[in-house]
């Protein structure tokens, strides 16, 4: 008998008390404005404050409520089978820089943890990518050769300690995992004590460029500073950098599973699709859980998102002795055309407006590396990793191929959304159900709450006009083109959209 899943999405990491902050109600200024309060934003603020800068942090929702609070929280430079790809695309020198940047990020997290005596369940673990097919075994063997070329501390094997057979595995030694919220909350307290201002429920909607750029919030307040850092996932202001065409948005899913047996030490990821990510974690109650992640798909392009949780549960029940499944959650992240994040000036003409995005689901290290790079660029106008992560880079063959594919996918989703018609009515919606409905001969989005109230919205995404789809796993409207997400009544959850969906009357 399948174990019951939690009714609502809620991550293991957020099962604790988190301080709240006020919304911004008046104009203000600082040396640096950081937009976003995940690991990238908080680490950037921390490093800048350490160098004597004054910082304002703006958060559209609640502190650490975004992707950082909805991750599997591996602190690892082993980002799947990436190093053979990096050597082929960038060459050995830059591939090694990518490894070093992420290793440096791991070491920085550990050093800060020790400096501030933070209890965040940090533990060093070896990381593994394993295969179960002949084709994936060949890819792992290529990756092992890349490790040798780059001097990475790794090991090729035909075995793991997992309770099922594998055909090969590549180990990266001395990586880590932790509880990201328990790590960041003490840093937020430290920043607050050292003069940093935090504002929640303060969505940035525009940036006026200039010598001292101004960030404009949805409620009309302005924050002026010498530098702006967009650490808000998908950049909401593009500055003609074409980020909407250079980022691919994927959504993935996680379960925290209570088992009667124990997962072996280590962090695991399969080389095939669908992905299965495995690690153990400790809850605030002291319980030990197996974290299972995977089931990625383009955001807004899965009609039944609930099935992804069910597949992860079925996988857990197949391979482990499951007692119950107390937590489930999902998140989304962006991937760049060449798999390396965009970190630095948002365009070559905007040296004082920085972006950090495209972490490809490896935000704990890539996000921390972004904080290091941007802090160096602001404080000393250089970074050893600046060229590697430069958002304005272009690798002709790889980028043209992926640029063409990504924009063909967006065009397909745009047309599909405009041609599709709602085939439901408000009357046949069940309680706590959302769907595309036919309203007066036109498509609309409707959600019926648990008390029977119906909320109706225009399904046109306010970012670039694609049509949103209902996400039944998270009770949200998701855009299949660029990943914007909205509440059942149309308020923005995640950008790049900054404006809510248009609300429609029920009549």
Protein backbone atom coordinates (compact mmCIF):
# COMPACT_ATOMS: atom_id res chain seq x y z
CA UNK A 1 0.00 0.00 0.00
CA UNK A 2 1.40 3.39 -1.02
CA UNK A 3 2.24 5.77 1.81
CA UNK A 4 0.15 8.92 1.95
CA UNK A 5 1.80 12.14 0.84
CA UNK A 6 1.39 15.37 2.82
CA UNK A 7 -1.59 17.40 1.64
CA UNK A 8 0.49 20.56 1.15
CA UNK A 9 4.00 21.36 0.05
CA UNK A 10 6.24 22.31 2.99
CA UNK A 11 10.03 21.81 3.18
CA UNK A 12 11.87 20.18 6.04
CA UNK A 13 14.17 23.21 6.36
CA UNK A 14 11.41 25.69 7.16
CA UNK A 15 9.94 23.73 10.07
CA UNK A 16 11.28 26.30 12.57
CA UNK A 17 10.63 29.84 13.79
CA UNK A 18 11.81 32.53 11.34
CA UNK A 19 11.96 36.23 12.21
CA UNK A 20 9.76 38.54 10.16
CA UNK A 21 10.67 41.99 8.85
CA UNK A 22 8.58 45.01 7.83
CA UNK A 23 7.81 46.14 4.30
CA UNK A 24 9.61 49.22 2.97
CA UNK A 25 7.37 52.27 3.43
CA UNK A 26 9.71 55.15 2.57
CA UNK A 27 12.60 55.94 0.27
CA UNK A 28 16.04 54.92 1.52
CA UNK A 29 19.62 54.48 0.35
CA UNK A 30 22.75 52.43 0.98
CA UNK A 31 26.05 51.60 -0.65
CA UNK A 32 24.55 48.42 -2.14
CA UNK A 33 20.99 47.22 -2.71
CA UNK A 34 20.62 43.43 -2.73
CA UNK A 35 17.39 42.08 -4.24
CA UNK A 36 16.60 38.61 -2.91
CA UNK A 37 17.18 36.93 0.46
CA UNK A 38 18.27 33.43 -0.51
CA UNK A 39 21.80 32.15 -0.09
CA UNK A 40 23.13 34.38 -2.89
CA UNK A 41 21.62 37.56 -1.48
CA UNK A 42 22.48 36.88 2.16
CA UNK A 43 26.04 35.76 1.41
CA UNK A 44 26.58 38.80 -0.82
CA UNK A 45 25.30 41.10 1.91
CA UNK A 46 27.49 39.34 4.49
CA UNK A 47 30.69 39.62 2.45
CA UNK A 48 30.01 43.27 1.59
CA UNK A 49 29.27 44.21 5.21
CA UNK A 50 32.53 42.51 6.21
CA UNK A 51 34.26 44.91 3.81
CA UNK A 52 32.54 47.96 5.30
CA UNK A 53 29.67 48.51 2.86
CA UNK A 54 26.17 49.46 3.97
CA UNK A 55 23.52 47.15 2.51
CA UNK A 56 19.74 47.10 2.07
CA UNK A 57 18.12 43.72 1.33
CA UNK A 58 14.75 43.69 -0.46
CA UNK A 59 12.63 40.53 -0.45
CA UNK A 60 9.44 40.19 -2.51
CA UNK A 61 8.03 37.55 -0.16
CA UNK A 62 9.45 36.31 3.14
CA UNK A 63 13.08 35.89 4.17
CA UNK A 64 14.66 32.58 2.95
CA UNK A 65 11.27 31.52 1.57
CA UNK A 66 12.46 31.12 -2.02
CA UNK A 67 14.50 28.39 -3.67
CA UNK A 68 17.13 28.29 -0.90
CA UNK A 69 14.48 27.12 1.54
CA UNK A 70 13.23 24.52 -0.96
CA UNK A 71 16.46 22.77 -1.90
CA UNK A 72 18.12 19.44 -1.13
CA UNK A 73 21.04 21.54 0.20
CA UNK A 74 24.06 19.71 -1.14
CA UNK A 75 27.24 21.80 -0.88
CA UNK A 76 29.16 20.18 -3.68
CA UNK A 77 31.34 20.91 -6.68
CA UNK A 78 30.07 17.68 -8.24
CA UNK A 79 27.28 19.05 -10.40
CA UNK A 80 26.30 15.88 -12.19
CA UNK A 81 28.58 14.93 -15.09
CA UNK A 82 29.65 18.48 -15.90
CA UNK A 83 33.45 18.53 -16.12
CA UNK A 84 33.86 16.64 -19.40
CA UNK A 85 31.30 19.08 -20.86
CA UNK A 86 33.17 22.09 -19.44
CA UNK A 87 36.48 20.94 -20.90
CA UNK A 88 34.87 20.49 -24.32
CA UNK A 89 33.12 23.89 -24.15
CA UNK A 90 35.58 26.11 -22.26
CA UNK A 91 38.90 24.25 -22.17
CA UNK A 92 40.80 22.80 -19.21
CA UNK A 93 41.76 26.12 -17.62
CA UNK A 94 38.21 27.42 -17.22
CA UNK A 95 36.84 24.00 -16.31
CA UNK A 96 39.33 23.95 -13.45
CA UNK A 97 38.28 27.48 -12.45
CA UNK A 98 34.67 26.29 -12.22
CA UNK A 99 35.72 23.49 -9.88
CA UNK A 100 37.87 25.83 -7.80
CA UNK A 101 35.11 28.44 -7.50
CA UNK A 102 32.68 25.85 -6.15
CA UNK A 103 35.26 24.28 -3.84
CA UNK A 104 36.09 27.77 -2.56
CA UNK A 105 32.37 28.30 -1.94
CA UNK A 106 32.17 25.08 0.11
CA UNK A 107 35.19 26.14 2.17
CA UNK A 108 33.73 29.62 2.71
CA UNK A 109 30.45 28.19 4.04
CA UNK A 110 32.39 25.95 6.42
CA UNK A 111 34.62 28.84 7.57
CA UNK A 112 31.65 31.15 8.23
CA UNK A 113 29.89 28.33 10.08
CA UNK A 114 32.90 27.94 12.34
CA UNK A 115 33.49 31.69 12.80
CA UNK A 116 29.91 32.26 13.97
CA UNK A 117 29.49 28.91 15.80
CA UNK A 118 26.46 28.05 13.66
CA UNK A 119 24.75 24.73 14.33
CA UNK A 120 23.33 23.91 10.90
CA UNK A 121 23.83 20.12 10.67
CA UNK A 122 26.87 20.67 8.44
CA UNK A 123 28.62 17.41 7.60
CA UNK A 124 31.34 16.45 5.16
CA UNK A 125 30.22 13.69 2.80
CA UNK A 126 31.57 12.14 -0.36
CA UNK A 127 29.43 12.84 -3.43
CA UNK A 128 28.65 10.21 -6.07
CA UNK A 129 27.19 10.12 -9.56
CA UNK A 130 26.23 6.55 -10.43
CA UNK A 131 24.98 4.76 -13.53
CA UNK A 132 22.70 1.80 -14.11
CA UNK A 133 23.03 1.54 -17.92
CA UNK A 134 25.90 0.91 -20.34
CA UNK A 135 25.49 4.31 -22.01
CA UNK A 136 25.68 6.18 -18.72
CA UNK A 137 28.68 4.09 -17.69
CA UNK A 138 30.55 5.43 -20.71
CA UNK A 139 29.66 8.98 -19.68
CA UNK A 140 30.93 8.35 -16.15
CA UNK A 141 34.20 6.99 -17.56
CA UNK A 142 34.58 10.20 -19.60
CA UNK A 143 33.93 12.22 -16.45
CA UNK A 144 36.59 10.24 -14.59
CA UNK A 145 39.13 11.21 -17.27
CA UNK A 146 38.05 14.84 -16.86
CA UNK A 147 38.68 14.54 -13.10
CA UNK A 148 42.19 13.28 -13.85
CA UNK A 149 42.90 16.17 -16.23
CA UNK A 150 41.69 18.74 -13.70
CA UNK A 151 43.29 17.19 -10.64
CA UNK A 152 39.95 16.62 -8.90
CA UNK A 153 40.05 14.38 -5.84
CA UNK A 154 37.82 11.60 -7.14
CA UNK A 155 37.54 7.87 -7.67
CA UNK A 156 35.96 5.64 -10.33
CA UNK A 157 34.28 2.48 -9.07
CA UNK A 158 31.81 -0.24 -10.05
CA UNK A 159 30.12 -0.15 -6.64
CA UNK A 160 28.41 2.11 -4.09
CA UNK A 161 26.90 1.46 -0.67
CA UNK A 162 23.39 1.95 -2.05
CA UNK A 163 20.93 -0.95 -1.59
CA UNK A 164 20.72 -1.65 -5.33
CA UNK A 165 23.28 -2.51 -8.02
CA UNK A 166 25.01 0.09 -10.19
CA UNK A 167 27.20 -0.30 -13.26
CA UNK A 168 29.65 2.48 -12.33
CA UNK A 169 30.11 5.48 -10.05
CA UNK A 170 32.37 8.51 -9.85
CA UNK A 171 33.13 9.84 -6.38
CA UNK A 172 34.14 13.39 -5.48
CA UNK A 173 35.62 13.31 -2.02
CA UNK A 174 35.00 15.66 0.92
CA UNK A 175 31.90 17.50 -0.23
CA UNK A 176 29.18 18.48 2.28
CA UNK A 177 25.53 19.04 3.10
CA UNK A 178 23.69 21.15 5.70
CA UNK A 179 20.44 22.81 6.72
CA UNK A 180 20.47 26.06 4.69
CA UNK A 181 17.88 27.90 6.78
CA UNK A 182 19.68 27.11 10.05
CA UNK A 183 22.87 28.40 8.40
CA UNK A 184 21.40 31.65 7.07
CA UNK A 185 19.28 32.78 10.04
CA UNK A 186 22.32 33.56 12.27
CA UNK A 187 23.89 35.47 9.38
CA UNK A 188 20.72 37.53 9.03
CA UNK A 189 20.89 38.31 12.76
CA UNK A 190 24.56 39.28 12.39
CA UNK A 191 23.77 41.55 9.44
CA UNK A 192 20.89 43.16 11.29
CA UNK A 193 23.14 43.86 14.29
CA UNK A 194 25.67 45.45 11.93
CA UNK A 195 23.27 47.90 10.32
CA UNK A 196 21.83 45.97 7.38
CA UNK A 197 18.16 46.72 6.71
CA UNK A 198 15.85 43.89 5.61
CA UNK A 199 12.46 44.52 4.02
CA UNK A 200 9.95 41.75 3.32
CA UNK A 201 6.86 41.97 1.10
CA UNK A 202 8.80 44.52 -0.93
CA UNK A 203 8.86 43.50 -4.58
CA UNK A 204 11.35 45.32 -6.80
CA UNK A 205 9.72 46.06 -10.15
CA UNK A 206 12.16 48.39 -11.90
CA UNK A 207 15.71 49.73 -11.79
CA UNK A 208 16.58 53.20 -13.03
CA UNK A 209 20.15 53.03 -14.29
CA UNK A 210 22.73 55.73 -13.60
CA UNK A 211 25.78 56.51 -11.48
CA UNK A 212 23.62 55.71 -8.43
CA UNK A 213 20.91 53.34 -9.67
CA UNK A 214 17.45 53.47 -8.10
CA UNK A 215 15.47 50.33 -7.35
CA UNK A 216 11.72 51.01 -7.52
CA UNK A 217 9.33 48.82 -5.55
CA UNK A 218 5.79 47.83 -6.42
CA UNK A 219 4.44 50.29 -3.83
CA UNK A 220 6.47 53.15 -5.30
CA UNK A 221 9.33 53.45 -2.81
CA UNK A 222 12.84 54.00 -4.13
CA UNK A 223 16.18 52.69 -2.91
CA UNK A 224 19.25 54.52 -4.21
CA UNK A 225 22.71 52.98 -4.04
CA UNK A 226 26.08 52.81 -5.76
CA UNK A 227 25.53 49.18 -6.76
CA UNK A 228 22.55 46.88 -7.25
CA UNK A 229 22.71 43.08 -7.02
CA UNK A 230 19.84 41.08 -8.52
CA UNK A 231 19.92 37.84 -6.52
CA UNK A 232 16.27 37.14 -7.19
CA UNK A 233 16.56 34.08 -9.42
CA UNK A 234 15.32 35.13 -12.89
CA UNK A 235 16.30 38.80 -13.47
CA UNK A 236 13.11 40.87 -13.52
CA UNK A 237 14.86 43.72 -15.38
CA UNK A 238 16.62 42.62 -18.54
CA UNK A 239 18.48 45.76 -19.72
CA UNK A 240 18.43 44.23 -23.22
CA UNK A 241 20.59 41.35 -22.00
CA UNK A 242 18.11 38.85 -23.52
CA UNK A 243 18.06 36.75 -20.34
CA UNK A 244 14.54 35.60 -21.16
CA UNK A 245 16.04 33.91 -24.23
CA UNK A 246 19.20 32.61 -22.54
CA UNK A 247 17.74 30.82 -19.52
CA UNK A 248 15.85 27.55 -19.32
CA UNK A 249 13.58 27.09 -16.28
CA UNK A 250 13.07 23.64 -14.75
CA UNK A 251 10.93 22.59 -11.79
CA UNK A 252 11.92 19.66 -9.58
CA UNK A 253 10.51 17.85 -6.55
CA UNK A 254 11.67 16.58 -3.17
CA UNK A 255 10.44 14.29 -0.39
CA UNK A 256 11.72 13.84 3.15
CA UNK A 257 11.12 10.17 3.96
CA UNK A 258 11.24 8.55 7.40
CA UNK A 259 12.74 5.08 7.06
CA UNK A 260 13.04 2.09 9.36
CA UNK A 261 16.52 1.46 7.95
CA UNK A 262 19.25 4.01 7.22
CA UNK A 263 20.71 5.43 4.03
CA UNK A 264 24.47 4.95 3.79
CA UNK A 265 26.63 8.03 4.22
CA UNK A 266 27.26 10.03 1.08
CA UNK A 267 25.28 12.08 -1.43
CA UNK A 268 24.07 10.36 -4.58
CA UNK A 269 22.79 11.34 -8.02
CA UNK A 270 22.04 9.04 -10.93
CA UNK A 271 23.42 9.75 -14.39
CA UNK A 272 20.20 8.84 -16.22
CA UNK A 273 16.81 10.48 -16.51
CA UNK A 274 14.57 10.84 -14.64
CA UNK A 275 16.95 12.14 -11.98
CA UNK A 276 17.10 10.72 -8.48
CA UNK A 277 19.04 12.67 -5.85
CA UNK A 278 19.66 11.03 -2.45
CA UNK A 279 21.06 12.27 0.88
CA UNK A 280 20.14 12.03 4.52
CA UNK A 281 19.15 14.97 6.72
CA UNK A 282 18.32 15.71 10.33
CA UNK A 283 15.05 17.42 11.24
CA UNK A 284 14.60 19.86 14.12
CA UNK A 285 13.03 17.00 16.06
CA UNK A 286 16.30 15.05 15.78
CA UNK A 287 14.74 12.56 13.37
CA UNK A 288 16.86 11.32 10.47
CA UNK A 289 15.28 11.48 7.02
CA UNK A 290 16.10 10.33 3.53
CA UNK A 291 15.81 13.22 1.07
CA UNK A 292 14.82 12.16 -2.43
CA UNK A 293 14.83 14.73 -5.21
CA UNK A 294 14.21 14.62 -8.93
CA UNK A 295 11.43 14.46 -11.52
CA UNK A 296 12.56 17.68 -13.21
CA UNK A 297 10.59 19.14 -16.10
CA UNK A 298 10.27 22.54 -17.81
CA UNK A 299 8.31 24.83 -15.51
CA UNK A 300 4.63 25.11 -16.41
CA UNK A 301 4.81 22.18 -18.83
CA UNK A 302 3.44 19.34 -16.70
CA UNK A 303 -0.34 19.06 -16.53
CA UNK A 304 -0.33 16.86 -13.41
CA UNK A 305 2.47 17.91 -11.08
CA UNK A 306 1.14 15.73 -8.27
CA UNK A 307 2.34 12.68 -10.20
CA UNK A 308 5.98 13.72 -9.76
CA UNK A 309 5.69 13.45 -5.98
CA UNK A 310 3.98 10.08 -6.41
CA UNK A 311 6.83 8.78 -8.59
CA UNK A 312 9.42 9.81 -5.99
CA UNK A 313 7.39 8.05 -3.30
CA UNK A 314 7.12 4.92 -5.45
CA UNK A 315 10.89 5.01 -5.99
CA UNK A 316 11.46 5.28 -2.23
CA UNK A 317 9.12 2.37 -1.54
CA UNK A 318 10.85 0.24 -4.19
CA UNK A 319 14.36 0.70 -2.80
CA UNK A 320 13.97 1.53 0.90
CA UNK A 321 11.92 0.49 3.92
CA UNK A 322 9.63 3.54 4.21
CA UNK A 323 7.83 4.33 7.46
CA UNK A 324 6.11 7.58 6.37
CA UNK A 325 6.52 10.68 4.20
CA UNK A 326 6.09 13.79 6.40
CA UNK A 327 7.45 16.47 4.04
CA UNK A 328 7.26 17.30 0.36
CA UNK A 329 8.27 20.40 -1.58
CA UNK A 330 9.27 21.62 -5.02
CA UNK A 331 11.34 24.43 -6.47
CA UNK A 332 12.60 25.69 -9.77
CA UNK A 333 15.91 26.91 -11.08
CA UNK A 334 17.41 28.28 -14.25
CA UNK A 335 20.06 26.80 -16.51
CA UNK A 336 22.14 28.88 -18.92
CA UNK A 337 22.92 28.06 -22.55
CA UNK A 338 26.34 26.58 -21.64
CA UNK A 339 25.54 25.25 -18.12
CA UNK A 340 27.69 27.88 -16.35
CA UNK A 341 25.91 30.58 -14.29
CA UNK A 342 25.67 34.21 -15.31
CA UNK A 343 27.40 36.19 -12.55
CA UNK A 344 28.50 39.81 -12.84
CA UNK A 345 27.42 43.01 -14.62
CA UNK A 346 24.02 42.42 -16.23
CA UNK A 347 25.36 43.88 -19.50
CA UNK A 348 28.72 45.30 -20.52
CA UNK A 349 27.20 48.80 -20.24
CA UNK A 350 25.96 48.36 -16.66
CA UNK A 351 29.00 47.83 -14.46
CA UNK A 352 27.14 48.79 -11.26
CA UNK A 353 24.10 46.52 -11.75
CA UNK A 354 24.94 42.87 -11.15
CA UNK A 355 23.06 39.65 -11.76
CA UNK A 356 23.46 36.12 -10.39
CA UNK A 357 21.36 33.43 -12.05
CA UNK A 358 21.44 30.11 -13.88
CA UNK A 359 22.71 27.86 -11.08
CA UNK A 360 21.24 24.71 -12.68
CA UNK A 361 19.98 23.42 -9.29
CA UNK A 362 23.40 23.74 -7.64
CA UNK A 363 22.72 27.00 -5.85
CA UNK A 364 24.43 26.30 -2.53
CA UNK A 365 27.89 26.46 -4.09
CA UNK A 366 27.13 28.44 -7.25
CA UNK A 367 25.13 30.99 -5.24
CA UNK A 368 27.95 31.36 -2.73
CA UNK A 369 30.48 31.63 -5.57
CA UNK A 370 28.28 34.39 -7.01
CA UNK A 371 28.48 36.27 -3.72
CA UNK A 372 32.28 35.97 -3.79
CA UNK A 373 32.57 37.13 -7.41
CA UNK A 374 30.18 40.08 -7.09
CA UNK A 375 31.75 41.24 -3.82
CA UNK A 376 35.17 41.21 -5.48
CA UNK A 377 33.85 43.12 -8.51
CA UNK A 378 32.24 45.77 -6.30
CA UNK A 379 35.16 46.13 -3.87
CA UNK A 380 38.17 45.74 -6.16
CA UNK A 381 36.77 45.69 -9.71
CA UNK A 382 38.20 42.24 -10.43
CA UNK A 383 37.74 38.55 -9.65
CA UNK A 384 39.71 35.50 -10.76
CA UNK A 385 36.38 33.98 -11.82
CA UNK A 386 34.89 37.03 -13.55
CA UNK A 387 35.64 35.96 -17.12
CA UNK A 388 34.32 32.43 -16.60
CA UNK A 389 30.96 33.63 -15.22
CA UNK A 390 30.70 36.81 -17.34
CA UNK A 391 27.00 37.17 -18.28
CA UNK A 392 27.94 38.71 -21.64
CA UNK A 393 30.00 35.72 -22.82
CA UNK A 394 29.03 33.84 -25.96
CA UNK A 395 30.26 30.46 -27.19
CA UNK A 396 29.14 30.36 -30.78
CA UNK A 397 28.44 26.71 -31.58
CA UNK A 398 27.02 25.60 -28.20
CA UNK A 399 25.11 28.82 -27.52
CA UNK A 400 23.54 29.12 -30.97
CA UNK A 401 22.32 25.51 -30.79
CA UNK A 402 20.80 25.92 -27.32
CA UNK A 403 19.55 29.46 -28.00
CA UNK A 404 17.66 28.19 -31.04
CA UNK A 405 16.22 25.20 -29.17
CA UNK A 406 15.17 27.24 -26.12
CA UNK A 407 13.40 29.89 -28.16
CA UNK A 408 11.71 27.29 -30.37
CA UNK A 409 10.35 25.73 -27.17
CA UNK A 410 9.10 29.11 -25.96
CA UNK A 411 7.45 29.83 -29.31
CA UNK A 412 5.77 26.41 -29.25
CA UNK A 413 4.40 27.00 -25.75
CA UNK A 414 3.22 30.50 -26.68
CA UNK A 415 1.28 29.24 -29.68
CA UNK A 416 -0.06 26.20 -27.82
CA UNK A 417 -1.33 28.42 -25.02
CA UNK A 418 -3.14 30.75 -27.41
CA UNK A 419 -4.78 27.87 -29.29
CA UNK A 420 -5.91 25.93 -26.22
CA UNK A 421 -9.40 26.52 -24.85
CA UNK A 422 -10.70 25.96 -21.38
CA UNK A 423 -12.81 22.79 -21.35
CA UNK A 424 -14.15 23.06 -17.79
CA UNK A 425 -16.72 25.28 -16.09
CA UNK A 426 -16.73 26.89 -12.66
CA UNK A 427 -19.60 24.69 -11.58
CA UNK A 428 -17.78 21.39 -12.10
CA UNK A 429 -14.65 22.36 -10.14
CA UNK A 430 -14.19 20.36 -6.94
CA UNK A 431 -13.14 22.06 -3.71
CA UNK A 432 -9.42 22.95 -3.73
CA UNK A 433 -9.20 22.44 -7.49
CA UNK A 434 -7.96 24.74 -10.23
CA UNK A 435 -8.36 24.43 -14.00
CA UNK A 436 -8.64 26.27 -17.28
CA UNK A 437 -12.32 27.05 -17.82
CA UNK A 438 -14.48 28.37 -20.62
CA UNK A 439 -15.92 31.71 -19.51
CA UNK A 440 -18.23 33.45 -21.96
CA UNK A 441 -16.55 31.65 -24.85
CA UNK A 442 -13.04 32.62 -23.72
CA UNK A 443 -10.38 30.82 -21.71
CA UNK A 444 -9.83 31.81 -18.08
CA UNK A 445 -8.19 30.30 -15.02
CA UNK A 446 -10.34 29.37 -12.03
CA UNK A 447 -9.65 27.97 -8.58
CA UNK A 448 -12.28 26.86 -6.06
CA UNK A 449 -11.11 27.22 -2.45
CA UNK A 450 -11.87 24.74 0.34
CA UNK A 451 -14.86 26.89 1.38
CA UNK A 452 -16.25 27.05 -2.16
CA UNK A 453 -15.09 30.56 -3.11
CA UNK A 454 -14.08 30.76 -6.78
CA UNK A 455 -11.16 32.93 -7.89
CA UNK A 456 -10.95 33.70 -11.63
CA UNK A 457 -7.96 35.16 -13.48
CA UNK A 458 -6.87 36.01 -16.99
CA UNK A 459 -4.33 33.33 -17.94
CA UNK A 460 -2.08 35.75 -19.86
CA UNK A 461 1.29 35.96 -18.09
CA UNK A 462 2.19 39.58 -17.36
CA UNK A 463 5.84 39.01 -18.31
CA UNK A 464 5.69 38.36 -22.06
CA UNK A 465 2.16 37.18 -22.77
CA UNK A 466 2.34 33.38 -22.67
CA UNK A 467 -0.59 31.53 -21.12
CA UNK A 468 -0.16 30.08 -17.63
CA UNK A 469 -1.08 26.52 -16.65
CA UNK A 470 -2.51 25.21 -13.37
CA UNK A 471 0.00 23.47 -11.06
CA UNK A 472 -2.08 21.07 -8.96
CA UNK A 473 0.83 20.04 -6.74
CA UNK A 474 1.52 23.59 -5.50
CA UNK A 475 -1.86 25.28 -6.19
CA UNK A 476 -0.34 27.92 -8.45
CA UNK A 477 -0.50 29.29 -12.00
CA UNK A 478 2.82 28.60 -13.74
CA UNK A 479 4.13 30.10 -16.98
CA UNK A 480 5.58 27.50 -19.41
CA UNK A 481 7.72 30.08 -21.22
CA UNK A 482 9.92 31.77 -18.59
CA UNK A 483 8.84 30.28 -15.27
CA UNK A 484 6.81 33.06 -13.64
CA UNK A 485 4.44 31.73 -10.98
CA UNK A 486 1.27 33.18 -9.48
CA UNK A 487 -1.02 32.40 -6.54
CA UNK A 488 -4.55 31.06 -7.27
CA UNK A 489 -5.84 34.65 -7.25
CA UNK A 490 -3.03 35.90 -9.50
CA UNK A 491 -0.44 37.47 -7.18
CA UNK A 492 3.21 36.99 -8.20
CA UNK A 493 5.08 34.18 -6.44
CA UNK A 494 8.16 34.05 -8.65
CA UNK A 495 9.41 36.28 -11.46
CA UNK A 496 10.45 37.40 -13.95
CA UNK A 497 6.88 38.76 -13.93
CA UNK A 498 6.43 41.71 -11.56
CA UNK A 499 2.71 42.36 -12.09
CA UNK A 500 -0.16 40.10 -10.97
CA UNK A 501 -2.50 38.31 -13.34
CA UNK A 502 -5.62 40.27 -14.19
CA UNK A 503 -8.50 39.29 -11.92
CA UNK A 504 -11.82 38.50 -13.61
CA UNK A 505 -15.33 38.52 -12.21
CA UNK A 506 -17.14 35.22 -11.71
CA UNK A 507 -20.17 36.34 -13.70
